[in-house]
Amino acid sequence: MKRELIGKVGVDSGQLLITDPCYITSQWKNTEFEGTNIPTGEFSYDGCCQATLSKKMSGQLNYNLGHPGVGVAFSSGYGDGVYPVYAKKDAQGRIVEVIIKMD
């Protein structure tokens, strides 16, 4: 499979979030970063920061009912910047892998 550039993503908080955009309105909690580094799994800016500042530098974010799957937050490695996003596609042209080069 060939790798194809599909776009670029800007980072200003040293972290990225993978989520389905349909959950932003219904599941996102508008809580600010509180300064701890104990991951809570909350789908919020605070939850993202706590996940990326943890020892794993990443973490699962949960739906409001508490089960996993609404998103994954992770450190952008080298901090702020604009990073290329690549996709690998199968024989039918469907995206089967996404790679973000953060180096």
PDB file of N, CA and C in Angstrom:
ATOM      1  N   MET A   1       0.843  -1.194   0.000  1.00  0.00           N
ATOM      2  CA  MET A   1       0.000   0.000   0.000  1.00  0.00           C
ATOM      3  C   MET A   1       0.875   1.240   0.000  1.00  0.00           C
ATOM      4  N   LYS A   2       0.505   2.187  -0.815  1.00  0.00           N
ATOM      5  CA  LYS A   2       1.239   3.446  -0.879  1.00  0.00           C
ATOM      6  C   LYS A   2       0.689   4.425   0.140  1.00  0.00           C
ATOM      7  N   ARG A   3       1.572   5.261   0.623  1.00  0.00           N
ATOM      8  CA  ARG A   3       1.189   6.322   1.545  1.00  0.00           C
ATOM      9  C   ARG A   3       0.866   7.566   0.735  1.00  0.00           C
ATOM     10  N   GLU A   4      -0.252   8.221   1.054  1.00  0.00           N
ATOM     11  CA  GLU A   4      -0.700   9.407   0.324  1.00  0.00           C
ATOM     12  C   GLU A   4      -0.946  10.553   1.310  1.00  0.00           C
ATOM     13  N   LEU A   5      -0.403  11.723   1.023  1.00  0.00           N
ATOM     14  CA  LEU A   5      -0.652  12.901   1.848  1.00  0.00           C
ATOM     15  C   LEU A   5      -2.111  13.307   1.687  1.00  0.00           C
ATOM     16  N   ILE A   6      -2.850  13.372   2.817  1.00  0.00           N
ATOM     17  CA  ILE A   6      -4.259  13.757   2.757  1.00  0.00           C
ATOM     18  C   ILE A   6      -4.520  15.123   3.388  1.00  0.00           C
ATOM     19  N   GLY A   7      -3.507  15.705   4.029  1.00  0.00           N
ATOM     20  CA  GLY A   7      -3.673  17.024   4.611  1.00  0.00           C
ATOM     21  C   GLY A   7      -2.626  17.304   5.662  1.00  0.00           C
ATOM     22  N   LYS A   8      -2.828  18.406   6.365  1.00  0.00           N
ATOM     23  CA  LYS A   8      -1.932  18.811   7.451  1.00  0.00           C
ATOM     24  C   LYS A   8      -2.783  19.203   8.647  1.00  0.00           C
ATOM     25  N   VAL A   9      -2.233  19.013   9.833  1.00  0.00           N
ATOM     26  CA  VAL A   9      -2.947  19.371  11.054  1.00  0.00           C
ATOM     27  C   VAL A   9      -2.072  20.301  11.887  1.00  0.00           C
ATOM     28  N   GLY A  10      -2.684  21.396  12.360  1.00  0.00           N
ATOM     29  CA  GLY A  10      -1.972  22.350  13.196  1.00  0.00           C
ATOM     30  C   GLY A  10      -2.121  22.008  14.665  1.00  0.00           C
ATOM     31  N   VAL A  11      -1.044  22.210  15.416  1.00  0.00           N
ATOM     32  CA  VAL A  11      -1.030  21.926  16.849  1.00  0.00           C
ATOM     33  C   VAL A  11      -0.569  23.174  17.583  1.00  0.00           C
ATOM     34  N   ASP A  12      -1.370  23.626  18.553  1.00  0.00           N
ATOM     35  CA  ASP A  12      -1.001  24.772  19.395  1.00  0.00           C
ATOM     36  C   ASP A  12      -1.018  24.435  20.884  1.00  0.00           C
ATOM     37  N   SER A  13      -1.422  23.227  21.247  1.00  0.00           N
ATOM     38  CA  SER A  13      -1.448  22.842  22.658  1.00  0.00           C
ATOM     39  C   SER A  13      -0.578  21.624  22.931  1.00  0.00           C
ATOM     40  N   GLY A  14       0.226  21.212  21.950  1.00  0.00           N
ATOM     41  CA  GLY A  14       1.124  20.078  22.146  1.00  0.00           C
ATOM     42  C   GLY A  14       0.412  18.734  22.161  1.00  0.00           C
ATOM     43  N   GLN A  15      -0.802  18.676  21.632  1.00  0.00           N
ATOM     44  CA  GLN A  15      -1.564  17.433  21.671  1.00  0.00           C
ATOM     45  C   GLN A  15      -2.561  17.375  20.529  1.00  0.00           C
ATOM     46  N   LEU A  16      -2.999  16.161  20.227  1.00  0.00           N
ATOM     47  CA  LEU A  16      -4.006  15.941  19.205  1.00  0.00           C
ATOM     48  C   LEU A  16      -5.101  15.040  19.757  1.00  0.00           C
ATOM     49  N   LEU A  17      -6.268  15.113  19.131  1.00  0.00           N
ATOM     50  CA  LEU A  17      -7.426  14.328  19.532  1.00  0.00           C
ATOM     51  C   LEU A  17      -8.008  13.657  18.303  1.00  0.00           C
ATOM     52  N   ILE A  18      -8.274  12.363  18.404  1.00  0.00           N
ATOM     53  CA  ILE A  18      -8.986  11.641  17.349  1.00  0.00           C
ATOM     54  C   ILE A  18     -10.395  11.383  17.870  1.00  0.00           C
ATOM     55  N   THR A  19     -11.385  11.861  17.124  1.00  0.00           N
ATOM     56  CA  THR A  19     -12.782  11.667  17.507  1.00  0.00           C
ATOM     57  C   THR A  19     -13.660  11.748  16.270  1.00  0.00           C
ATOM     58  N   ASP A  20     -14.880  11.270  16.391  1.00  0.00           N
ATOM     59  CA  ASP A  20     -15.878  11.457  15.343  1.00  0.00           C
ATOM     60  C   ASP A  20     -16.519  12.815  15.607  1.00  0.00           C
ATOM     61  N   PRO A  21     -16.502  13.740  14.653  1.00  0.00           N
ATOM     62  CA  PRO A  21     -17.021  15.090  14.903  1.00  0.00           C
ATOM     63  C   PRO A  21     -18.479  15.129  15.356  1.00  0.00           C
ATOM     64  N   CYS A  22     -19.244  14.080  15.112  1.00  0.00           N
ATOM     65  CA  CYS A  22     -20.652  14.108  15.531  1.00  0.00           C
ATOM     66  C   CYS A  22     -20.802  14.115  17.050  1.00  0.00           C
ATOM     67  N   TYR A  23     -19.738  13.754  17.793  1.00  0.00           N
ATOM     68  CA  TYR A  23     -19.818  13.718  19.256  1.00  0.00           C
ATOM     69  C   TYR A  23     -19.419  15.028  19.926  1.00  0.00           C
ATOM     70  N   ILE A  24     -18.887  15.969  19.183  1.00  0.00           N
ATOM     71  CA  ILE A  24     -18.399  17.202  19.796  1.00  0.00           C
ATOM     72  C   ILE A  24     -19.531  17.968  20.479  1.00  0.00           C
ATOM     73  N   THR A  25     -20.656  18.083  19.846  1.00  0.00           N
ATOM     74  CA  THR A  25     -21.774  18.824  20.436  1.00  0.00           C
ATOM     75  C   THR A  25     -22.437  18.065  21.571  1.00  0.00           C
ATOM     76  N   SER A  26     -22.643  16.762  21.407  1.00  0.00           N
ATOM     77  CA  SER A  26     -23.414  16.010  22.391  1.00  0.00           C
ATOM     78  C   SER A  26     -22.595  15.473  23.563  1.00  0.00           C
ATOM     79  N   GLN A  27     -21.302  15.248  23.393  1.00  0.00           N
ATOM     80  CA  GLN A  27     -20.506  14.606  24.437  1.00  0.00           C
ATOM     81  C   GLN A  27     -19.431  15.496  25.067  1.00  0.00           C
ATOM     82  N   TRP A  28     -18.969  16.511  24.367  1.00  0.00           N
ATOM     83  CA  TRP A  28     -17.878  17.364  24.848  1.00  0.00           C
ATOM     84  C   TRP A  28     -18.302  18.144  26.082  1.00  0.00           C
ATOM     85  N   LYS A  29     -17.470  18.105  27.113  1.00  0.00           N
ATOM     86  CA  LYS A  29     -17.693  18.897  28.323  1.00  0.00           C
ATOM     87  C   LYS A  29     -16.761  20.101  28.249  1.00  0.00           C
ATOM     88  N   ASN A  30     -17.280  21.258  28.481  1.00  0.00           N
ATOM     89  CA  ASN A  30     -16.504  22.488  28.350  1.00  0.00           C
ATOM     90  C   ASN A  30     -15.789  22.805  29.665  1.00  0.00           C
ATOM     91  N   THR A  31     -14.841  21.951  30.046  1.00  0.00           N
ATOM     92  CA  THR A  31     -14.075  22.172  31.266  1.00  0.00           C
ATOM     93  C   THR A  31     -12.643  22.524  30.908  1.00  0.00           C
ATOM     94  N   GLU A  32     -12.110  23.509  31.589  1.00  0.00           N
ATOM     95  CA  GLU A  32     -10.743  23.978  31.363  1.00  0.00           C
ATOM     96  C   GLU A  32      -9.747  23.047  32.050  1.00  0.00           C
ATOM     97  N   PHE A  33      -8.508  23.116  31.638  1.00  0.00           N
ATOM     98  CA  PHE A  33      -7.441  22.325  32.243  1.00  0.00           C
ATOM     99  C   PHE A  33      -7.269  22.738  33.696  1.00  0.00           C
ATOM    100  N   GLU A  34      -7.247  21.744  34.596  1.00  0.00           N
ATOM    101  CA  GLU A  34      -7.169  22.012  36.030  1.00  0.00           C
ATOM    102  C   GLU A  34      -5.785  21.805  36.622  1.00  0.00           C
ATOM    103  N   GLY A  35      -4.821  21.386  35.820  1.00  0.00           N
ATOM    104  CA  GLY A  35      -3.446  21.306  36.295  1.00  0.00           C
ATOM    105  C   GLY A  35      -3.010  19.982  36.888  1.00  0.00           C
ATOM    106  N   THR A  36      -3.846  18.963  36.899  1.00  0.00           N
ATOM    107  CA  THR A  36      -3.404  17.661  37.390  1.00  0.00           C
ATOM    108  C   THR A  36      -2.977  16.818  36.213  1.00  0.00           C
ATOM    109  N   ASN A  37      -2.261  15.735  36.491  1.00  0.00           N
ATOM    110  CA  ASN A  37      -1.891  14.837  35.399  1.00  0.00           C
ATOM    111  C   ASN A  37      -2.398  13.423  35.661  1.00  0.00           C
ATOM    112  N   ILE A  38      -3.561  13.327  36.304  1.00  0.00           N
ATOM    113  CA  ILE A  38      -4.202  12.041  36.545  1.00  0.00           C
ATOM    114  C   ILE A  38      -5.336  11.907  35.534  1.00  0.00           C
ATOM    115  N   PRO A  39      -5.171  11.043  34.539  1.00  0.00           N
ATOM    116  CA  PRO A  39      -6.195  10.928  33.496  1.00  0.00           C
ATOM    117  C   PRO A  39      -7.572  10.572  34.053  1.00  0.00           C
ATOM    118  N   THR A  40      -8.578  11.295  33.612  1.00  0.00           N
ATOM    119  CA  THR A  40      -9.943  11.050  34.044  1.00  0.00           C
ATOM    120  C   THR A  40     -10.773  10.376  32.962  1.00  0.00           C
ATOM    121  N   GLY A  41     -10.337  10.483  31.727  1.00  0.00           N
ATOM    122  CA  GLY A  41     -11.097   9.936  30.626  1.00  0.00           C
ATOM    123  C   GLY A  41     -12.220  10.841  30.167  1.00  0.00           C
ATOM    124  N   GLU A  42     -12.342  12.021  30.790  1.00  0.00           N
ATOM    125  CA  GLU A  42     -13.404  12.946  30.415  1.00  0.00           C
ATOM    126  C   GLU A  42     -13.161  13.506  29.013  1.00  0.00           C
ATOM    127  N   PHE A  43     -14.210  13.582  28.229  1.00  0.00           N
ATOM    128  CA  PHE A  43     -14.144  14.125  26.870  1.00  0.00           C
ATOM    129  C   PHE A  43     -14.225  15.642  26.962  1.00  0.00           C
ATOM    130  N   SER A  44     -13.072  16.262  27.241  1.00  0.00           N
ATOM    131  CA  SER A  44     -12.982  17.707  27.448  1.00  0.00           C
ATOM    132  C   SER A  44     -11.538  18.127  27.233  1.00  0.00           C
ATOM    133  N   TYR A  45     -11.309  19.438  27.222  1.00  0.00           N
ATOM    134  CA  TYR A  45      -9.936  19.919  27.110  1.00  0.00           C
ATOM    135  C   TYR A  45      -9.125  19.450  28.321  1.00  0.00           C
ATOM    136  N   ASP A  46      -9.722  19.503  29.501  1.00  0.00           N
ATOM    137  CA  ASP A  46      -9.049  19.029  30.706  1.00  0.00           C
ATOM    138  C   ASP A  46      -8.706  17.547  30.581  1.00  0.00           C
ATOM    139  N   GLY A  47      -9.649  16.745  30.108  1.00  0.00           N
ATOM    140  CA  GLY A  47      -9.395  15.310  29.937  1.00  0.00           C
ATOM    141  C   GLY A  47      -8.279  15.039  28.954  1.00  0.00           C
ATOM    142  N   CYS A  48      -8.244  15.804  27.863  1.00  0.00           N
ATOM    143  CA  CYS A  48      -7.159  15.657  26.877  1.00  0.00           C
ATOM    144  C   CYS A  48      -5.817  16.007  27.498  1.00  0.00           C
ATOM    145  N   CYS A  49      -5.758  17.132  28.208  1.00  0.00           N
ATOM    146  CA  CYS A  49      -4.500  17.561  28.837  1.00  0.00           C
ATOM    147  C   CYS A  49      -4.016  16.544  29.863  1.00  0.00           C
ATOM    148  N   GLN A  50      -4.926  16.040  30.678  1.00  0.00           N
ATOM    149  CA  GLN A  50      -4.531  15.059  31.687  1.00  0.00           C
ATOM    150  C   GLN A  50      -3.990  13.790  31.032  1.00  0.00           C
ATOM    151  N   ALA A  51      -4.600  13.374  29.940  1.00  0.00           N
ATOM    152  CA  ALA A  51      -4.121  12.178  29.236  1.00  0.00           C
ATOM    153  C   ALA A  51      -2.733  12.408  28.656  1.00  0.00           C
ATOM    154  N   THR A  52      -2.532  13.541  27.996  1.00  0.00           N
ATOM    155  CA  THR A  52      -1.261  13.766  27.309  1.00  0.00           C
ATOM    156  C   THR A  52      -0.126  14.123  28.263  1.00  0.00           C
ATOM    157  N   LEU A  53      -0.444  14.590  29.460  1.00  0.00           N
ATOM    158  CA  LEU A  53       0.583  14.883  30.455  1.00  0.00           C
ATOM    159  C   LEU A  53       0.887  13.691  31.358  1.00  0.00           C
ATOM    160  N   SER A  54       0.160  12.593  31.183  1.00  0.00           N
ATOM    161  CA  SER A  54       0.397  11.388  31.976  1.00  0.00           C
ATOM    162  C   SER A  54       1.682  10.697  31.510  1.00  0.00           C
ATOM    163  N   LYS A  55       2.117   9.689  32.232  1.00  0.00           N
ATOM    164  CA  LYS A  55       3.326   8.954  31.866  1.00  0.00           C
ATOM    165  C   LYS A  55       3.212   8.319  30.487  1.00  0.00           C
ATOM    166  N   LYS A  56       1.997   7.890  30.104  1.00  0.00           N
ATOM    167  CA  LYS A  56       1.783   7.269  28.794  1.00  0.00           C
ATOM    168  C   LYS A  56       1.743   8.295  27.667  1.00  0.00           C
ATOM    169  N   MET A  57       1.578   9.570  28.005  1.00  0.00           N
ATOM    170  CA  MET A  57       1.475  10.672  27.035  1.00  0.00           C
ATOM    171  C   MET A  57       0.289  10.493  26.091  1.00  0.00           C
ATOM    172  N   SER A  58      -0.721   9.762  26.545  1.00  0.00           N
ATOM    173  CA  SER A  58      -1.904   9.502  25.734  1.00  0.00           C
ATOM    174  C   SER A  58      -2.988   8.920  26.632  1.00  0.00           C
ATOM    175  N   GLY A  59      -4.211   8.864  26.105  1.00  0.00           N
ATOM    176  CA  GLY A  59      -5.259   8.244  26.894  1.00  0.00           C
ATOM    177  C   GLY A  59      -6.587   8.152  26.179  1.00  0.00           C
ATOM    178  N   GLN A  60      -7.372   7.185  26.648  1.00  0.00           N
ATOM    179  CA  GLN A  60      -8.724   6.952  26.170  1.00  0.00           C
ATOM    180  C   GLN A  60      -9.660   7.993  26.765  1.00  0.00           C
ATOM    181  N   LEU A  61     -10.554   8.531  25.955  1.00  0.00           N
ATOM    182  CA  LEU A  61     -11.590   9.442  26.443  1.00  0.00           C
ATOM    183  C   LEU A  61     -12.929   8.721  26.326  1.00  0.00           C
ATOM    184  N   ASN A  62     -13.780   8.975  27.301  1.00  0.00           N
ATOM    185  CA  ASN A  62     -15.014   8.213  27.428  1.00  0.00           C
ATOM    186  C   ASN A  62     -16.261   9.035  27.122  1.00  0.00           C
ATOM    187  N   TYR A  63     -17.299   8.308  26.694  1.00  0.00           N
ATOM    188  CA  TYR A  63     -18.619   8.914  26.524  1.00  0.00           C
ATOM    189  C   TYR A  63     -19.131   9.378  27.883  1.00  0.00           C
ATOM    190  N   ASN A  64     -20.132  10.240  27.886  1.00  0.00           N
ATOM    191  CA  ASN A  64     -20.703  10.748  29.137  1.00  0.00           C
ATOM    192  C   ASN A  64     -21.215   9.633  30.043  1.00  0.00           C
ATOM    193  N   LEU A  65     -21.639   8.517  29.487  1.00  0.00           N
ATOM    194  CA  LEU A  65     -22.103   7.389  30.302  1.00  0.00           C
ATOM    195  C   LEU A  65     -20.949   6.581  30.892  1.00  0.00           C
ATOM    196  N   GLY A  66     -19.703   6.905  30.512  1.00  0.00           N
ATOM    197  CA  GLY A  66     -18.529   6.285  31.116  1.00  0.00           C
ATOM    198  C   GLY A  66     -17.828   5.229  30.300  1.00  0.00           C
ATOM    199  N   HIS A  67     -18.401   4.782  29.206  1.00  0.00           N
ATOM    200  CA  HIS A  67     -17.743   3.740  28.414  1.00  0.00           C
ATOM    201  C   HIS A  67     -16.782   4.364  27.396  1.00  0.00           C
ATOM    202  N   PRO A  68     -15.712   3.630  27.047  1.00  0.00           N
ATOM    203  CA  PRO A  68     -14.685   4.161  26.143  1.00  0.00           C
ATOM    204  C   PRO A  68     -15.166   4.244  24.704  1.00  0.00           C
ATOM    205  N   GLY A  69     -14.468   5.071  23.923  1.00  0.00           N
ATOM    206  CA  GLY A  69     -14.700   5.099  22.500  1.00  0.00           C
ATOM    207  C   GLY A  69     -14.963   6.454  21.886  1.00  0.00           C
ATOM    208  N   VAL A  70     -15.200   7.482  22.695  1.00  0.00           N
ATOM    209  CA  VAL A  70     -15.520   8.784  22.105  1.00  0.00           C
ATOM    210  C   VAL A  70     -14.279   9.469  21.528  1.00  0.00           C
ATOM    211  N   GLY A  71     -13.105   9.105  22.019  1.00  0.00           N
ATOM    212  CA  GLY A  71     -11.901   9.710  21.479  1.00  0.00           C
ATOM    213  C   GLY A  71     -10.633   9.190  22.119  1.00  0.00           C
ATOM    214  N   VAL A  72      -9.522   9.557  21.500  1.00  0.00           N
ATOM    215  CA  VAL A  72      -8.193   9.246  22.019  1.00  0.00           C
ATOM    216  C   VAL A  72      -7.363  10.516  21.899  1.00  0.00           C
ATOM    217  N   ALA A  73      -6.728  10.928  22.995  1.00  0.00           N
ATOM    218  CA  ALA A  73      -5.857  12.101  22.995  1.00  0.00           C
ATOM    219  C   ALA A  73      -4.410  11.634  23.158  1.00  0.00           C
ATOM    220  N   PHE A  74      -3.482  12.348  22.494  1.00  0.00           N
ATOM    221  CA  PHE A  74      -2.080  11.978  22.613  1.00  0.00           C
ATOM    222  C   PHE A  74      -1.199  13.195  22.414  1.00  0.00           C
ATOM    223  N   SER A  75      -0.001  13.129  22.983  1.00  0.00           N
ATOM    224  CA  SER A  75       0.982  14.197  22.844  1.00  0.00           C
ATOM    225  C   SER A  75       1.450  14.262  21.396  1.00  0.00           C
ATOM    226  N   SER A  76       1.714  15.467  20.935  1.00  0.00           N
ATOM    227  CA  SER A  76       2.186  15.620  19.556  1.00  0.00           C
ATOM    228  C   SER A  76       3.693  15.427  19.434  1.00  0.00           C
ATOM    229  N   GLY A  77       4.306  14.865  20.421  1.00  0.00           N
ATOM    230  CA  GLY A  77       5.714  14.494  20.327  1.00  0.00           C
ATOM    231  C   GLY A  77       6.659  15.658  20.488  1.00  0.00           C
ATOM    232  N   TYR A  78       6.814  16.460  19.442  1.00  0.00           N
ATOM    233  CA  TYR A  78       7.747  17.575  19.488  1.00  0.00           C
ATOM    234  C   TYR A  78       7.042  18.913  19.687  1.00  0.00           C
ATOM    235  N   GLY A  79       5.795  18.886  20.111  1.00  0.00           N
ATOM    236  CA  GLY A  79       5.119  20.129  20.444  1.00  0.00           C
ATOM    237  C   GLY A  79       4.325  20.733  19.312  1.00  0.00           C
ATOM    238  N   ASP A  80       4.241  22.057  19.347  1.00  0.00           N
ATOM    239  CA  ASP A  80       3.418  22.804  18.408  1.00  0.00           C
ATOM    240  C   ASP A  80       4.026  22.803  17.010  1.00  0.00           C
ATOM    241  N   GLY A  81       3.158  22.992  16.035  1.00  0.00           N
ATOM    242  CA  GLY A  81       3.609  23.038  14.651  1.00  0.00           C
ATOM    243  C   GLY A  81       2.508  22.573  13.725  1.00  0.00           C
ATOM    244  N   VAL A  82       2.873  22.343  12.493  1.00  0.00           N
ATOM    245  CA  VAL A  82       1.950  21.833  11.485  1.00  0.00           C
ATOM    246  C   VAL A  82       2.533  20.510  10.993  1.00  0.00           C
ATOM    247  N   TYR A  83       1.752  19.452  11.111  1.00  0.00           N
ATOM    248  CA  TYR A  83       2.234  18.116  10.808  1.00  0.00           C
ATOM    249  C   TYR A  83       1.470  17.496   9.635  1.00  0.00           C
ATOM    250  N   PRO A  84       2.190  16.808   8.738  1.00  0.00           N
ATOM    251  CA  PRO A  84       1.524  16.152   7.609  1.00  0.00           C
ATOM    252  C   PRO A  84       0.788  14.890   8.071  1.00  0.00           C
ATOM    253  N   VAL A  85      -0.372  14.655   7.444  1.00  0.00           N
ATOM    254  CA  VAL A  85      -1.188  13.477   7.729  1.00  0.00           C
ATOM    255  C   VAL A  85      -1.257  12.638   6.456  1.00  0.00           C
ATOM    256  N   TYR A  86      -0.889  11.377   6.584  1.00  0.00           N
ATOM    257  CA  TYR A  86      -0.870  10.456   5.454  1.00  0.00           C
ATOM    258  C   TYR A  86      -1.892   9.350   5.669  1.00  0.00           C
ATOM    259  N   ALA A  87      -2.362   8.772   4.569  1.00  0.00           N
ATOM    260  CA  ALA A  87      -3.277   7.633   4.614  1.00  0.00           C
ATOM    261  C   ALA A  87      -2.720   6.505   3.770  1.00  0.00           C
ATOM    262  N   LYS A  88      -2.988   5.293   4.216  1.00  0.00           N
ATOM    263  CA  LYS A  88      -2.761   4.109   3.399  1.00  0.00           C
ATOM    264  C   LYS A  88      -4.141   3.591   3.023  1.00  0.00           C
ATOM    265  N   LYS A  89      -4.293   3.227   1.759  1.00  0.00           N
ATOM    266  CA  LYS A  89      -5.589   2.773   1.257  1.00  0.00           C
ATOM    267  C   LYS A  89      -5.490   1.340   0.754  1.00  0.00           C
ATOM    268  N   ASP A  90      -6.607   0.615   0.872  1.00  0.00           N
ATOM    269  CA  ASP A  90      -6.640  -0.745   0.351  1.00  0.00           C
ATOM    270  C   ASP A  90      -6.914  -0.730  -1.149  1.00  0.00           C
ATOM    271  N   ALA A  91      -7.057  -1.901  -1.736  1.00  0.00           N
ATOM    272  CA  ALA A  91      -7.249  -2.018  -3.180  1.00  0.00           C
ATOM    273  C   ALA A  91      -8.516  -1.321  -3.667  1.00  0.00           C
ATOM    274  N   GLN A  92      -9.511  -1.170  -2.797  1.00  0.00           N
ATOM    275  CA  GLN A  92     -10.752  -0.486  -3.162  1.00  0.00           C
ATOM    276  C   GLN A  92     -10.685   1.021  -2.929  1.00  0.00           C
ATOM    277  N   GLY A  93      -9.548   1.507  -2.434  1.00  0.00           N
ATOM    278  CA  GLY A  93      -9.371   2.936  -2.200  1.00  0.00           C
ATOM    279  C   GLY A  93      -9.856   3.418  -0.846  1.00  0.00           C
ATOM    280  N   ARG A  94     -10.228   2.487   0.041  1.00  0.00           N
ATOM    281  CA  ARG A  94     -10.668   2.875   1.393  1.00  0.00           C
ATOM    282  C   ARG A  94      -9.471   3.091   2.304  1.00  0.00           C
ATOM    283  N   ILE A  95      -9.550   4.113   3.121  1.00  0.00           N
ATOM    284  CA  ILE A  95      -8.473   4.388   4.081  1.00  0.00           C
ATOM    285  C   ILE A  95      -8.470   3.293   5.136  1.00  0.00           C
ATOM    286  N   VAL A  96      -7.317   2.657   5.323  1.00  0.00           N
ATOM    287  CA  VAL A  96      -7.181   1.597   6.311  1.00  0.00           C
ATOM    288  C   VAL A  96      -6.149   1.947   7.397  1.00  0.00           C
ATOM    289  N   GLU A  97      -5.407   3.015   7.182  1.00  0.00           N
ATOM    290  CA  GLU A  97      -4.419   3.440   8.171  1.00  0.00           C
ATOM    291  C   GLU A  97      -4.149   4.935   7.988  1.00  0.00           C
ATOM    292  N   VAL A  98      -3.985   5.634   9.101  1.00  0.00           N
ATOM    293  CA  VAL A  98      -3.649   7.050   9.071  1.00  0.00           C
ATOM    294  C   VAL A  98      -2.366   7.243   9.859  1.00  0.00           C
ATOM    295  N   ILE A  99      -1.444   8.006   9.304  1.00  0.00           N
ATOM    296  CA  ILE A  99      -0.146   8.259   9.928  1.00  0.00           C
ATOM    297  C   ILE A  99       0.052   9.767  10.019  1.00  0.00           C
ATOM    298  N   ILE A 100       0.432  10.237  11.208  1.00  0.00           N
ATOM    299  CA  ILE A 100       0.751  11.644  11.407  1.00  0.00           C
ATOM    300  C   ILE A 100       2.234  11.717  11.718  1.00  0.00           C
ATOM    301  N   LYS A 101       2.994  12.370  10.853  1.00  0.00           N
ATOM    302  CA  LYS A 101       4.440  12.486  11.034  1.00  0.00           C
ATOM    303  C   LYS A 101       4.730  13.684  11.938  1.00  0.00           C
ATOM    304  N   MET A 102       5.153  13.398  13.165  1.00  0.00           N
ATOM    305  CA  MET A 102       5.406  14.462  14.142  1.00  0.00           C
ATOM    306  C   MET A 102       6.882  14.529  14.493  1.00  0.00           C
ATOM    307  N   ASP A 103       7.722  14.514  13.475  1.00  0.00           N
ATOM    308  CA  ASP A 103       9.159  14.635  13.735  1.00  0.00           C
ATOM    309  C   ASP A 103       9.793  15.645  12.821  1.00  0.00           C
TER     310      ASP A 103
END
